[in-house]
N, C-alpha and C. Protein backbone atom coordinates (compact mmCIF):
# COMPACT_ATOMS: atom_id res chain seq x y z
N ASP A 1 116.92 191.72 191.17
CA ASP A 1 115.78 191.32 190.33
C ASP A 1 114.56 192.19 190.61
N GLU A 2 114.34 192.53 191.87
CA GLU A 2 113.19 193.38 192.20
C GLU A 2 113.34 194.76 191.58
N LEU A 3 114.56 195.31 191.63
CA LEU A 3 114.79 196.62 191.03
C LEU A 3 114.61 196.58 189.52
N LEU A 4 115.14 195.54 188.87
CA LEU A 4 114.99 195.43 187.42
C LEU A 4 113.53 195.29 187.04
N THR A 5 112.79 194.53 187.82
CA THR A 5 111.36 194.38 187.56
C THR A 5 110.65 195.72 187.68
N TRP A 6 111.03 196.50 188.69
CA TRP A 6 110.40 197.80 188.90
C TRP A 6 110.77 198.75 187.75
N PHE A 7 112.05 198.76 187.36
CA PHE A 7 112.48 199.66 186.28
C PHE A 7 111.78 199.35 184.96
N THR A 8 111.43 198.08 184.74
CA THR A 8 110.85 197.66 183.46
C THR A 8 109.35 197.40 183.58
N ARG A 9 108.73 197.98 184.57
CA ARG A 9 107.32 197.69 184.82
C ARG A 9 106.41 198.12 183.68
N ASP A 10 106.84 199.11 182.90
CA ASP A 10 106.02 199.58 181.78
C ASP A 10 106.51 199.06 180.43
N ALA A 11 107.42 198.10 180.43
CA ALA A 11 107.96 197.57 179.18
C ALA A 11 106.87 196.83 178.39
N ARG A 12 107.04 196.81 177.07
CA ARG A 12 106.07 196.11 176.23
C ARG A 12 106.12 194.60 176.46
N VAL A 13 107.29 194.09 176.82
CA VAL A 13 107.44 192.67 177.13
C VAL A 13 107.84 192.55 178.59
N PRO A 14 107.08 191.87 179.42
CA PRO A 14 107.41 191.75 180.84
C PRO A 14 108.76 191.07 181.06
N LEU A 15 109.48 191.50 182.07
CA LEU A 15 110.79 190.93 182.37
C LEU A 15 110.69 189.44 182.66
N GLU A 16 109.68 189.03 183.35
CA GLU A 16 109.52 187.60 183.67
C GLU A 16 109.39 186.77 182.40
N ASP A 17 108.75 187.32 181.37
CA ASP A 17 108.62 186.60 180.12
C ASP A 17 109.97 186.46 179.44
N LEU A 18 110.78 187.52 179.49
CA LEU A 18 112.12 187.44 178.93
C LEU A 18 112.95 186.36 179.63
N LYS A 19 112.82 186.27 180.93
CA LYS A 19 113.57 185.27 181.68
C LYS A 19 113.17 183.86 181.29
N ARG A 20 111.91 183.66 180.99
CA ARG A 20 111.44 182.31 180.64
C ARG A 20 111.92 181.87 179.27
N ARG A 21 112.28 182.80 178.39
CA ARG A 21 112.68 182.46 177.03
C ARG A 21 114.20 182.51 176.91
N ALA A 22 114.83 181.45 177.35
CA ALA A 22 116.30 181.39 177.34
C ALA A 22 116.82 181.54 175.91
N GLY A 23 117.83 182.38 175.74
CA GLY A 23 118.40 182.59 174.43
C GLY A 23 117.73 183.66 173.61
N GLY A 24 116.67 184.26 174.14
CA GLY A 24 115.99 185.33 173.42
C GLY A 24 114.83 184.83 172.59
N ALA A 25 114.07 185.75 172.04
CA ALA A 25 112.88 185.39 171.26
C ALA A 25 112.46 186.56 170.41
N ARG A 26 111.68 186.27 169.37
CA ARG A 26 111.05 187.31 168.56
C ARG A 26 109.63 187.53 169.07
N TYR A 27 109.25 188.78 169.15
CA TYR A 27 107.92 189.12 169.65
C TYR A 27 107.13 189.80 168.53
N ALA A 28 106.73 189.00 167.56
CA ALA A 28 106.03 189.54 166.41
C ALA A 28 104.68 190.14 166.81
N GLU A 29 104.13 189.65 167.90
CA GLU A 29 102.81 190.13 168.31
C GLU A 29 102.88 191.48 169.01
N VAL A 30 104.06 191.92 169.37
CA VAL A 30 104.21 193.18 170.09
C VAL A 30 104.39 194.31 169.07
N SER A 31 103.50 195.27 169.08
CA SER A 31 103.57 196.38 168.14
C SER A 31 103.91 197.67 168.88
N LEU A 32 104.52 198.57 168.15
CA LEU A 32 104.86 199.88 168.70
C LEU A 32 104.00 200.92 168.01
N GLU A 33 103.19 201.60 168.77
CA GLU A 33 102.27 202.57 168.21
C GLU A 33 102.68 203.99 168.62
N VAL A 34 102.56 204.89 167.68
CA VAL A 34 102.88 206.29 167.93
C VAL A 34 101.59 207.04 168.21
N GLU A 35 101.57 207.76 169.31
CA GLU A 35 100.37 208.49 169.67
C GLU A 35 100.18 209.71 168.75
N PRO A 36 98.97 210.17 168.59
CA PRO A 36 98.74 211.36 167.76
C PRO A 36 99.37 212.59 168.38
N SER A 37 99.59 213.61 167.57
CA SER A 37 100.18 214.84 168.08
C SER A 37 99.21 215.55 169.01
N GLU A 38 99.74 216.45 169.79
CA GLU A 38 98.91 217.21 170.71
C GLU A 38 98.01 218.16 169.92
N PRO A 39 96.85 218.44 170.44
CA PRO A 39 95.93 219.36 169.73
C PRO A 39 96.60 220.70 169.43
N GLY A 40 96.49 221.13 168.18
CA GLY A 40 97.05 222.41 167.79
C GLY A 40 98.50 222.38 167.37
N TRP A 41 99.16 221.21 167.49
CA TRP A 41 100.57 221.13 167.13
C TRP A 41 100.72 221.09 165.61
N THR A 42 101.57 221.96 165.06
CA THR A 42 101.76 222.01 163.60
C THR A 42 103.20 221.75 163.18
N GLY A 43 104.09 221.51 164.14
CA GLY A 43 105.50 221.29 163.81
C GLY A 43 105.71 220.00 163.04
N ARG A 44 106.69 220.00 162.15
CA ARG A 44 107.03 218.82 161.37
C ARG A 44 108.55 218.70 161.28
N LEU A 45 109.01 217.52 160.91
CA LEU A 45 110.44 217.33 160.73
C LEU A 45 110.97 218.26 159.65
N ASP A 46 112.11 218.89 159.93
CA ASP A 46 112.73 219.79 158.97
C ASP A 46 113.82 219.01 158.24
N VAL A 47 113.41 218.24 157.24
CA VAL A 47 114.35 217.40 156.51
C VAL A 47 115.17 218.25 155.54
N ALA A 48 116.49 217.97 155.48
CA ALA A 48 117.40 218.71 154.59
C ALA A 48 117.37 220.20 154.91
N ASN A 49 117.42 220.53 156.18
CA ASN A 49 117.52 221.92 156.60
C ASN A 49 118.71 222.59 155.91
N HIS A 50 118.57 223.85 155.54
CA HIS A 50 119.61 224.50 154.75
C HIS A 50 120.94 224.58 155.49
N GLU A 51 120.88 224.69 156.85
CA GLU A 51 122.13 224.72 157.61
C GLU A 51 122.84 223.37 157.50
N MET A 52 122.07 222.29 157.59
CA MET A 52 122.65 220.96 157.48
C MET A 52 123.24 220.74 156.09
N MET A 53 122.51 221.11 155.06
CA MET A 53 122.99 220.90 153.70
C MET A 53 124.23 221.75 153.41
N SER A 54 124.29 222.94 154.01
CA SER A 54 125.46 223.79 153.84
C SER A 54 126.69 223.15 154.48
N ASP A 55 126.50 222.57 155.67
CA ASP A 55 127.61 221.89 156.34
C ASP A 55 128.07 220.67 155.55
N LEU A 56 127.12 219.90 155.01
CA LEU A 56 127.49 218.72 154.23
C LEU A 56 128.24 219.12 152.96
N ALA A 57 127.82 220.20 152.34
CA ALA A 57 128.52 220.68 151.14
C ALA A 57 129.94 221.10 151.49
N ARG A 58 130.10 221.79 152.62
CA ARG A 58 131.45 222.19 153.04
C ARG A 58 132.30 220.98 153.34
N LEU A 59 131.71 219.96 153.99
CA LEU A 59 132.46 218.75 154.30
C LEU A 59 132.92 218.04 153.03
N ALA A 60 132.03 217.95 152.04
CA ALA A 60 132.40 217.31 150.77
C ALA A 60 133.50 218.09 150.05
N ARG A 61 133.48 219.40 150.20
CA ARG A 61 134.45 220.24 149.50
C ARG A 61 135.79 220.30 150.22
N ASP A 62 135.77 220.48 151.54
CA ASP A 62 136.99 220.77 152.29
C ASP A 62 137.47 219.61 153.15
N GLY A 63 136.64 218.57 153.34
CA GLY A 63 137.01 217.50 154.25
C GLY A 63 136.69 217.87 155.68
N ALA A 64 137.03 216.97 156.61
CA ALA A 64 136.74 217.20 158.02
C ALA A 64 137.50 218.41 158.54
N ALA A 65 136.92 219.05 159.55
CA ALA A 65 137.56 220.21 160.16
C ALA A 65 138.94 219.84 160.70
N ARG A 66 139.88 220.74 160.58
CA ARG A 66 141.26 220.49 160.97
C ARG A 66 141.76 221.59 161.90
N ASP A 67 142.75 221.21 162.71
CA ASP A 67 143.43 222.18 163.54
C ASP A 67 144.71 222.61 162.83
N ARG A 68 145.26 223.70 163.25
CA ARG A 68 146.42 224.28 162.55
C ARG A 68 147.66 223.39 162.60
N ASP A 69 147.77 222.55 163.63
CA ASP A 69 148.99 221.73 163.74
C ASP A 69 148.73 220.25 163.55
N ASP A 70 147.62 219.87 162.91
CA ASP A 70 147.30 218.46 162.70
C ASP A 70 148.41 217.72 161.95
N ASP A 71 149.04 218.38 160.98
CA ASP A 71 150.03 217.71 160.15
C ASP A 71 151.29 217.34 160.93
N GLN A 72 151.46 217.88 162.11
CA GLN A 72 152.63 217.55 162.92
C GLN A 72 152.48 216.19 163.60
N TYR A 73 151.28 215.61 163.54
CA TYR A 73 151.00 214.35 164.22
C TYR A 73 150.59 213.30 163.18
N PRO A 74 151.42 212.27 162.96
CA PRO A 74 151.20 211.36 161.83
C PRO A 74 150.13 210.31 162.04
N MET A 75 149.68 210.10 163.28
CA MET A 75 148.71 209.04 163.53
C MET A 75 147.39 209.65 164.02
N ARG A 76 146.35 208.82 164.03
CA ARG A 76 145.04 209.28 164.46
C ARG A 76 144.49 208.33 165.53
N LEU A 77 144.07 208.91 166.65
CA LEU A 77 143.53 208.14 167.77
C LEU A 77 142.02 208.03 167.64
N VAL A 78 141.49 206.81 167.67
CA VAL A 78 140.05 206.58 167.63
C VAL A 78 139.65 205.78 168.85
N CYS A 79 138.38 205.87 169.22
CA CYS A 79 137.89 205.15 170.38
C CYS A 79 137.50 203.72 169.99
N ARG A 80 137.35 202.86 170.98
CA ARG A 80 136.96 201.48 170.74
C ARG A 80 136.22 200.98 171.97
N ARG A 81 135.73 199.77 171.89
CA ARG A 81 135.09 199.11 173.03
C ARG A 81 135.90 197.88 173.41
N LEU A 82 135.77 197.48 174.65
CA LEU A 82 136.34 196.22 175.12
C LEU A 82 135.22 195.30 175.56
N ALA A 83 135.42 194.01 175.36
CA ALA A 83 134.33 193.06 175.55
C ALA A 83 133.94 192.88 177.01
N HIS A 84 134.86 193.15 177.95
CA HIS A 84 134.60 192.80 179.34
C HIS A 84 134.09 193.96 180.19
N VAL A 85 133.88 195.14 179.61
CA VAL A 85 133.42 196.28 180.39
C VAL A 85 132.24 196.96 179.72
N VAL A 86 131.48 197.70 180.52
CA VAL A 86 130.43 198.57 180.01
C VAL A 86 130.91 199.99 180.26
N ASN A 87 131.32 200.68 179.18
CA ASN A 87 132.11 201.89 179.32
C ASN A 87 133.32 201.53 180.17
N SER A 88 133.50 202.07 181.35
CA SER A 88 134.62 201.65 182.19
C SER A 88 134.14 200.90 183.42
N SER A 89 132.87 200.56 183.50
CA SER A 89 132.33 199.83 184.64
C SER A 89 132.57 198.33 184.49
N CYS A 90 132.51 197.63 185.60
CA CYS A 90 132.63 196.17 185.63
C CYS A 90 134.02 195.70 185.21
N ASN A 91 135.02 196.54 185.42
CA ASN A 91 136.39 196.15 185.09
C ASN A 91 136.97 195.37 186.27
N ILE A 92 136.65 194.09 186.34
CA ILE A 92 137.04 193.26 187.47
C ILE A 92 137.91 192.11 186.99
N GLU A 93 138.68 191.52 187.90
CA GLU A 93 139.66 190.51 187.53
C GLU A 93 139.01 189.28 186.90
N ALA A 94 137.80 188.97 187.32
CA ALA A 94 137.15 187.78 186.78
C ALA A 94 136.91 187.87 185.28
N THR A 95 136.79 189.10 184.78
CA THR A 95 136.51 189.26 183.35
C THR A 95 137.64 189.93 182.57
N ASN A 96 138.51 190.67 183.26
CA ASN A 96 139.60 191.32 182.51
C ASN A 96 140.84 190.44 182.40
N HIS A 97 140.80 189.25 183.01
CA HIS A 97 141.88 188.26 182.90
C HIS A 97 143.23 188.84 183.29
N GLY A 98 143.20 189.68 184.34
CA GLY A 98 144.45 190.22 184.85
C GLY A 98 144.95 191.46 184.16
N ARG A 99 144.22 191.98 183.17
CA ARG A 99 144.64 193.21 182.48
C ARG A 99 143.63 194.30 182.82
N ALA A 100 143.98 195.12 183.80
CA ALA A 100 143.07 196.15 184.27
C ALA A 100 143.18 197.45 183.48
N TYR A 101 144.18 197.57 182.62
CA TYR A 101 144.40 198.81 181.87
C TYR A 101 143.78 198.72 180.48
N ASN A 102 143.80 199.83 179.79
CA ASN A 102 143.28 199.91 178.42
C ASN A 102 144.45 200.02 177.44
N PRO A 103 144.75 198.96 176.71
CA PRO A 103 145.90 199.01 175.79
C PRO A 103 145.67 200.00 174.65
N ALA A 104 146.76 200.39 174.04
CA ALA A 104 146.70 201.15 172.78
C ALA A 104 146.93 200.15 171.66
N PHE A 105 145.88 199.86 170.89
CA PHE A 105 145.97 198.89 169.81
C PHE A 105 146.49 199.59 168.55
N VAL A 106 147.47 198.95 167.91
CA VAL A 106 148.16 199.55 166.76
C VAL A 106 148.36 198.47 165.70
N ASN A 107 148.32 198.86 164.45
CA ASN A 107 148.60 197.92 163.37
C ASN A 107 150.02 197.35 163.53
N PRO A 108 150.21 196.04 163.37
CA PRO A 108 151.54 195.44 163.56
C PRO A 108 152.63 196.06 162.69
N ASP A 109 152.28 196.48 161.46
CA ASP A 109 153.29 197.11 160.60
C ASP A 109 153.76 198.45 161.18
N ASP A 110 152.82 199.19 161.76
CA ASP A 110 153.21 200.44 162.42
C ASP A 110 154.09 200.16 163.62
N MET A 111 153.76 199.10 164.38
CA MET A 111 154.58 198.75 165.54
C MET A 111 156.00 198.41 165.10
N GLN A 112 156.13 197.68 164.00
CA GLN A 112 157.45 197.33 163.51
C GLN A 112 158.23 198.58 163.11
N ASP A 113 157.58 199.50 162.42
CA ASP A 113 158.25 200.73 162.01
C ASP A 113 158.71 201.55 163.20
N LEU A 114 157.94 201.49 164.30
CA LEU A 114 158.26 202.27 165.49
C LEU A 114 159.20 201.52 166.43
N GLY A 115 159.55 200.28 166.08
CA GLY A 115 160.43 199.49 166.94
C GLY A 115 159.76 199.00 168.20
N LEU A 116 158.46 198.74 168.12
CA LEU A 116 157.70 198.32 169.28
C LEU A 116 157.33 196.85 169.18
N SER A 117 157.16 196.22 170.33
CA SER A 117 156.70 194.85 170.40
C SER A 117 155.49 194.78 171.32
N PRO A 118 154.72 193.69 171.29
CA PRO A 118 153.55 193.60 172.17
C PRO A 118 153.93 193.81 173.64
N GLY A 119 153.24 194.74 174.27
CA GLY A 119 153.53 195.07 175.67
C GLY A 119 154.49 196.22 175.85
N SER A 120 155.00 196.79 174.76
CA SER A 120 155.91 197.93 174.89
C SER A 120 155.21 199.12 175.53
N GLU A 121 155.95 199.85 176.36
CA GLU A 121 155.42 201.04 177.00
C GLU A 121 155.73 202.26 176.13
N VAL A 122 154.72 203.07 175.91
CA VAL A 122 154.88 204.23 175.02
C VAL A 122 154.25 205.46 175.65
N THR A 123 154.55 206.60 175.05
CA THR A 123 153.86 207.84 175.37
C THR A 123 153.10 208.28 174.12
N ILE A 124 151.82 208.57 174.29
CA ILE A 124 151.00 209.07 173.20
C ILE A 124 150.84 210.58 173.38
N CYS A 125 151.19 211.33 172.36
CA CYS A 125 151.21 212.79 172.45
C CYS A 125 150.20 213.40 171.49
N SER A 126 149.45 214.39 171.97
CA SER A 126 148.62 215.22 171.11
C SER A 126 149.08 216.66 171.27
N SER A 127 148.34 217.60 170.69
CA SER A 127 148.74 219.00 170.78
C SER A 127 148.51 219.59 172.17
N VAL A 128 147.78 218.88 173.03
CA VAL A 128 147.45 219.45 174.34
C VAL A 128 147.96 218.64 175.52
N ALA A 129 148.34 217.37 175.32
CA ALA A 129 148.72 216.56 176.47
C ALA A 129 149.46 215.31 176.01
N THR A 130 149.98 214.58 176.99
CA THR A 130 150.58 213.27 176.75
C THR A 130 150.02 212.28 177.77
N ILE A 131 149.93 211.01 177.37
CA ILE A 131 149.51 209.96 178.30
C ILE A 131 150.40 208.74 178.09
N PRO A 132 150.60 207.94 179.15
CA PRO A 132 151.33 206.69 178.98
C PRO A 132 150.38 205.61 178.46
N ALA A 133 150.94 204.60 177.82
CA ALA A 133 150.10 203.51 177.32
C ALA A 133 150.95 202.27 177.08
N ILE A 134 150.29 201.16 176.92
CA ILE A 134 150.93 199.88 176.60
C ILE A 134 150.35 199.41 175.28
N VAL A 135 151.19 199.18 174.29
CA VAL A 135 150.69 198.86 172.96
C VAL A 135 150.47 197.37 172.80
N GLN A 136 149.47 197.06 171.97
CA GLN A 136 149.18 195.69 171.57
C GLN A 136 148.86 195.69 170.07
N PRO A 137 149.25 194.65 169.35
CA PRO A 137 148.99 194.61 167.91
C PRO A 137 147.53 194.34 167.60
N GLU A 138 147.02 194.97 166.56
CA GLU A 138 145.66 194.76 166.08
C GLU A 138 145.69 194.77 164.55
N PRO A 139 145.79 193.58 163.93
CA PRO A 139 145.90 193.53 162.47
C PRO A 139 144.70 194.14 161.75
N GLY A 140 143.54 194.20 162.41
CA GLY A 140 142.35 194.73 161.78
C GLY A 140 142.32 196.23 161.66
N LEU A 141 143.26 196.92 162.28
CA LEU A 141 143.30 198.38 162.21
C LEU A 141 144.02 198.84 160.94
N ARG A 142 143.55 199.93 160.37
CA ARG A 142 144.29 200.56 159.27
C ARG A 142 145.60 201.10 159.80
N ARG A 143 146.58 201.19 158.94
CA ARG A 143 147.85 201.79 159.33
C ARG A 143 147.64 203.27 159.67
N GLY A 144 148.38 203.73 160.64
CA GLY A 144 148.27 205.11 161.06
C GLY A 144 147.19 205.37 162.09
N VAL A 145 146.53 204.30 162.57
CA VAL A 145 145.44 204.44 163.52
C VAL A 145 145.83 203.82 164.86
N VAL A 146 145.54 204.53 165.94
CA VAL A 146 145.68 204.02 167.30
C VAL A 146 144.29 203.92 167.88
N SER A 147 143.98 202.80 168.52
CA SER A 147 142.63 202.58 169.04
C SER A 147 142.69 202.29 170.53
N MET A 148 141.99 203.11 171.32
CA MET A 148 141.99 202.93 172.78
C MET A 148 140.59 203.04 173.35
N MET A 149 140.35 202.30 174.41
CA MET A 149 139.10 202.39 175.17
C MET A 149 139.16 203.62 176.07
N PHE A 150 138.06 204.38 176.13
CA PHE A 150 138.00 205.56 176.97
C PHE A 150 137.51 205.17 178.38
N GLY A 151 137.51 206.12 179.29
CA GLY A 151 136.96 205.89 180.62
C GLY A 151 137.94 205.29 181.61
N PHE A 152 139.19 205.10 181.23
CA PHE A 152 140.20 204.58 182.15
C PHE A 152 141.11 205.71 182.60
N GLY A 153 142.01 205.39 183.53
CA GLY A 153 143.03 206.34 183.95
C GLY A 153 142.54 207.45 184.84
N ASP A 154 143.40 208.46 185.00
CA ASP A 154 143.11 209.58 185.90
C ASP A 154 143.93 210.77 185.42
N GLY A 155 144.19 211.71 186.32
CA GLY A 155 144.97 212.88 185.98
C GLY A 155 146.45 212.58 185.89
N PRO A 156 147.25 213.57 185.46
CA PRO A 156 148.71 213.36 185.29
C PRO A 156 149.41 212.88 186.55
N ASP A 157 148.86 213.24 187.72
CA ASP A 157 149.53 212.85 188.96
C ASP A 157 149.46 211.35 189.22
N ARG A 158 148.64 210.63 188.46
CA ARG A 158 148.53 209.18 188.65
C ARG A 158 149.02 208.40 187.42
N ASP A 159 149.76 209.08 186.55
CA ASP A 159 150.26 208.41 185.35
C ASP A 159 151.14 207.21 185.67
N GLY A 160 151.81 207.22 186.80
CA GLY A 160 152.66 206.10 187.17
C GLY A 160 151.89 204.82 187.45
N GLU A 161 150.57 204.92 187.57
CA GLU A 161 149.75 203.75 187.88
C GLU A 161 149.06 203.17 186.64
N TYR A 162 149.55 203.52 185.45
CA TYR A 162 148.78 203.16 184.26
C TYR A 162 148.66 201.66 184.03
N ARG A 163 149.54 200.87 184.62
CA ARG A 163 149.39 199.42 184.47
C ARG A 163 148.23 198.88 185.30
N SER A 164 147.82 199.61 186.30
CA SER A 164 146.72 199.13 187.15
C SER A 164 145.41 199.88 186.90
N ILE A 165 145.47 201.13 186.44
CA ILE A 165 144.24 201.89 186.21
C ILE A 165 144.08 202.33 184.76
N GLY A 166 145.09 202.10 183.93
CA GLY A 166 145.02 202.53 182.54
C GLY A 166 145.35 204.01 182.39
N ALA A 167 145.07 204.53 181.21
CA ALA A 167 145.33 205.94 180.90
C ALA A 167 144.09 206.56 180.28
N SER A 168 143.99 207.87 180.36
CA SER A 168 142.80 208.58 179.92
C SER A 168 143.01 209.24 178.56
N PRO A 169 142.50 208.64 177.46
CA PRO A 169 142.61 209.30 176.15
C PRO A 169 141.89 210.64 176.09
N SER A 170 140.93 210.86 176.99
CA SER A 170 140.19 212.13 176.99
C SER A 170 141.12 213.32 177.20
N ARG A 171 142.23 213.10 177.88
CA ARG A 171 143.17 214.19 178.12
C ARG A 171 143.84 214.66 176.83
N LEU A 172 143.78 213.87 175.78
CA LEU A 172 144.40 214.24 174.51
C LEU A 172 143.49 215.11 173.64
N VAL A 173 142.26 215.30 174.08
CA VAL A 173 141.27 216.03 173.29
C VAL A 173 141.37 217.53 173.57
N ALA A 174 141.54 218.31 172.53
CA ALA A 174 141.48 219.77 172.66
C ALA A 174 140.02 220.22 172.58
N THR A 175 139.56 220.94 173.58
CA THR A 175 138.14 221.32 173.63
C THR A 175 137.85 222.69 173.04
N ASP A 176 138.89 223.42 172.63
CA ASP A 176 138.68 224.80 172.21
C ASP A 176 139.19 225.09 170.80
N ARG A 177 139.38 224.05 169.98
CA ARG A 177 139.96 224.26 168.66
C ARG A 177 139.05 223.78 167.54
N VAL A 178 138.75 222.49 167.53
CA VAL A 178 137.87 221.93 166.50
C VAL A 178 136.62 221.44 167.22
N PHE A 179 135.49 222.11 166.98
CA PHE A 179 134.26 221.76 167.69
C PHE A 179 133.05 222.13 166.86
N ASP A 180 131.92 221.50 167.20
CA ASP A 180 130.68 221.77 166.50
C ASP A 180 130.23 223.20 166.77
N ARG A 181 129.84 223.92 165.73
CA ARG A 181 129.51 225.34 165.89
C ARG A 181 128.17 225.58 166.55
N PHE A 182 127.33 224.53 166.65
CA PHE A 182 126.03 224.71 167.28
C PHE A 182 126.05 224.31 168.75
N ILE A 183 126.57 223.13 169.06
CA ILE A 183 126.50 222.64 170.44
C ILE A 183 127.85 222.64 171.14
N GLY A 184 128.93 222.94 170.42
CA GLY A 184 130.24 223.05 171.05
C GLY A 184 130.94 221.73 171.32
N GLN A 185 130.39 220.61 170.85
CA GLN A 185 131.06 219.33 171.10
C GLN A 185 132.38 219.29 170.35
N PRO A 186 133.49 219.00 171.06
CA PRO A 186 134.79 218.99 170.39
C PRO A 186 135.00 217.72 169.58
N ARG A 187 136.03 217.74 168.76
CA ARG A 187 136.43 216.54 168.03
C ARG A 187 136.89 215.51 169.06
N MET A 188 136.17 214.39 169.16
CA MET A 188 136.42 213.42 170.21
C MET A 188 136.98 212.10 169.68
N SER A 189 137.13 211.99 168.38
CA SER A 189 137.79 210.83 167.78
C SER A 189 138.57 211.36 166.58
N ASN A 190 139.39 210.49 165.98
CA ASN A 190 140.27 210.95 164.89
C ASN A 190 141.20 212.06 165.39
N ILE A 191 141.71 211.89 166.61
CA ILE A 191 142.58 212.88 167.23
C ILE A 191 144.01 212.71 166.72
N PRO A 192 144.62 213.75 166.17
CA PRO A 192 146.00 213.64 165.70
C PRO A 192 146.96 213.39 166.87
N VAL A 193 147.74 212.32 166.77
CA VAL A 193 148.68 211.96 167.83
C VAL A 193 149.98 211.44 167.23
N THR A 194 150.96 211.31 168.07
CA THR A 194 152.19 210.61 167.73
C THR A 194 152.52 209.67 168.87
N ILE A 195 153.26 208.61 168.57
CA ILE A 195 153.63 207.60 169.57
C ILE A 195 155.15 207.55 169.67
N VAL A 196 155.67 207.61 170.88
CA VAL A 196 157.11 207.47 171.09
C VAL A 196 157.34 206.47 172.22
N PRO A 197 158.39 205.65 172.13
CA PRO A 197 158.69 204.70 173.22
C PRO A 197 158.98 205.44 174.52
N ARG A 198 158.53 204.87 175.61
CA ARG A 198 158.85 205.44 176.91
C ARG A 198 160.26 205.04 177.29
N GLU A 199 160.91 205.89 178.05
CA GLU A 199 162.27 205.60 178.50
C GLU A 199 162.27 205.38 180.02
N PRO A 200 162.92 204.30 180.51
CA PRO A 200 163.56 203.27 179.68
C PRO A 200 162.50 202.35 179.08
N ALA A 201 162.64 201.98 177.80
CA ALA A 201 161.69 201.11 177.14
C ALA A 201 161.72 199.74 177.79
N ARG A 202 160.54 199.14 177.93
CA ARG A 202 160.46 197.81 178.51
C ARG A 202 159.36 197.06 177.81
N ALA A 203 159.67 195.95 177.18
CA ALA A 203 158.67 195.13 176.51
C ALA A 203 158.41 193.90 177.33
N SER A 204 157.16 193.62 177.60
CA SER A 204 156.77 192.45 178.37
C SER A 204 156.40 191.32 177.44
N ALA A 205 156.06 190.18 178.03
CA ALA A 205 155.59 189.06 177.23
C ALA A 205 154.26 189.42 176.59
N PRO A 206 153.91 188.77 175.47
CA PRO A 206 152.63 189.07 174.81
C PRO A 206 151.47 188.99 175.78
N ASP A 207 150.57 189.94 175.68
CA ASP A 207 149.42 190.03 176.57
C ASP A 207 148.50 188.84 176.35
N PRO A 208 148.16 188.09 177.43
CA PRO A 208 147.29 186.93 177.25
C PRO A 208 145.84 187.29 177.01
N ALA A 209 145.51 188.55 177.14
CA ALA A 209 144.10 188.93 177.07
C ALA A 209 143.77 189.70 175.82
N THR A 210 144.39 189.34 174.70
CA THR A 210 144.11 190.05 173.45
C THR A 210 143.07 189.30 172.64
N THR A 211 141.92 189.07 173.26
CA THR A 211 140.86 188.30 172.59
C THR A 211 139.85 189.20 171.91
N GLU A 212 139.93 190.54 172.18
CA GLU A 212 138.94 191.42 171.57
C GLU A 212 139.32 191.69 170.13
N GLN A 213 138.43 191.47 169.23
CA GLN A 213 138.61 191.84 167.83
C GLN A 213 137.43 192.73 167.46
N LEU A 214 137.49 193.98 167.91
CA LEU A 214 136.35 194.87 167.77
C LEU A 214 136.59 195.85 166.64
């Protein structure tokens, strides 16, 4: 509490006041004011910069950037959040209900086509790597989409521990193929992947901790 108070010492609403208002509150009386610019400053927002508009026009014409072998991978991996963790922190038994790993959520129709059941062990493959995973059904996902929480797992040498530490979807990301031309950030979601059952395949009982509908 002392550290939080110190960190928020300059907040518009004092931490002690927040604590007194259980359930939250609206602070209509608190205003946010923008200070004037520094003397001599003439810079302004560059709205609709020609580089930005050129990129948007290309996107509308050609679609999202693609890698040469994207068509070889029928599914797309996207990131998600889990209710009991902050990124990968606070992953403790009291809140993860005994599931310390990050499942691969898949549309039930896709699971049926692949011959998978809740808890099946699979390998997820991209153009640069493979990771182990445990699938769980997610009816809210579009077909062809795999959804996993990032920040779990480790390197290939610890893949055998994926039931206790999860798997790292970051390993499936190619950093040198599809990336932003200005800052170099690679394509970090919508990653082309394929899913294959692990051998020997083993399906467990339905996961009791499938309460996240994110």
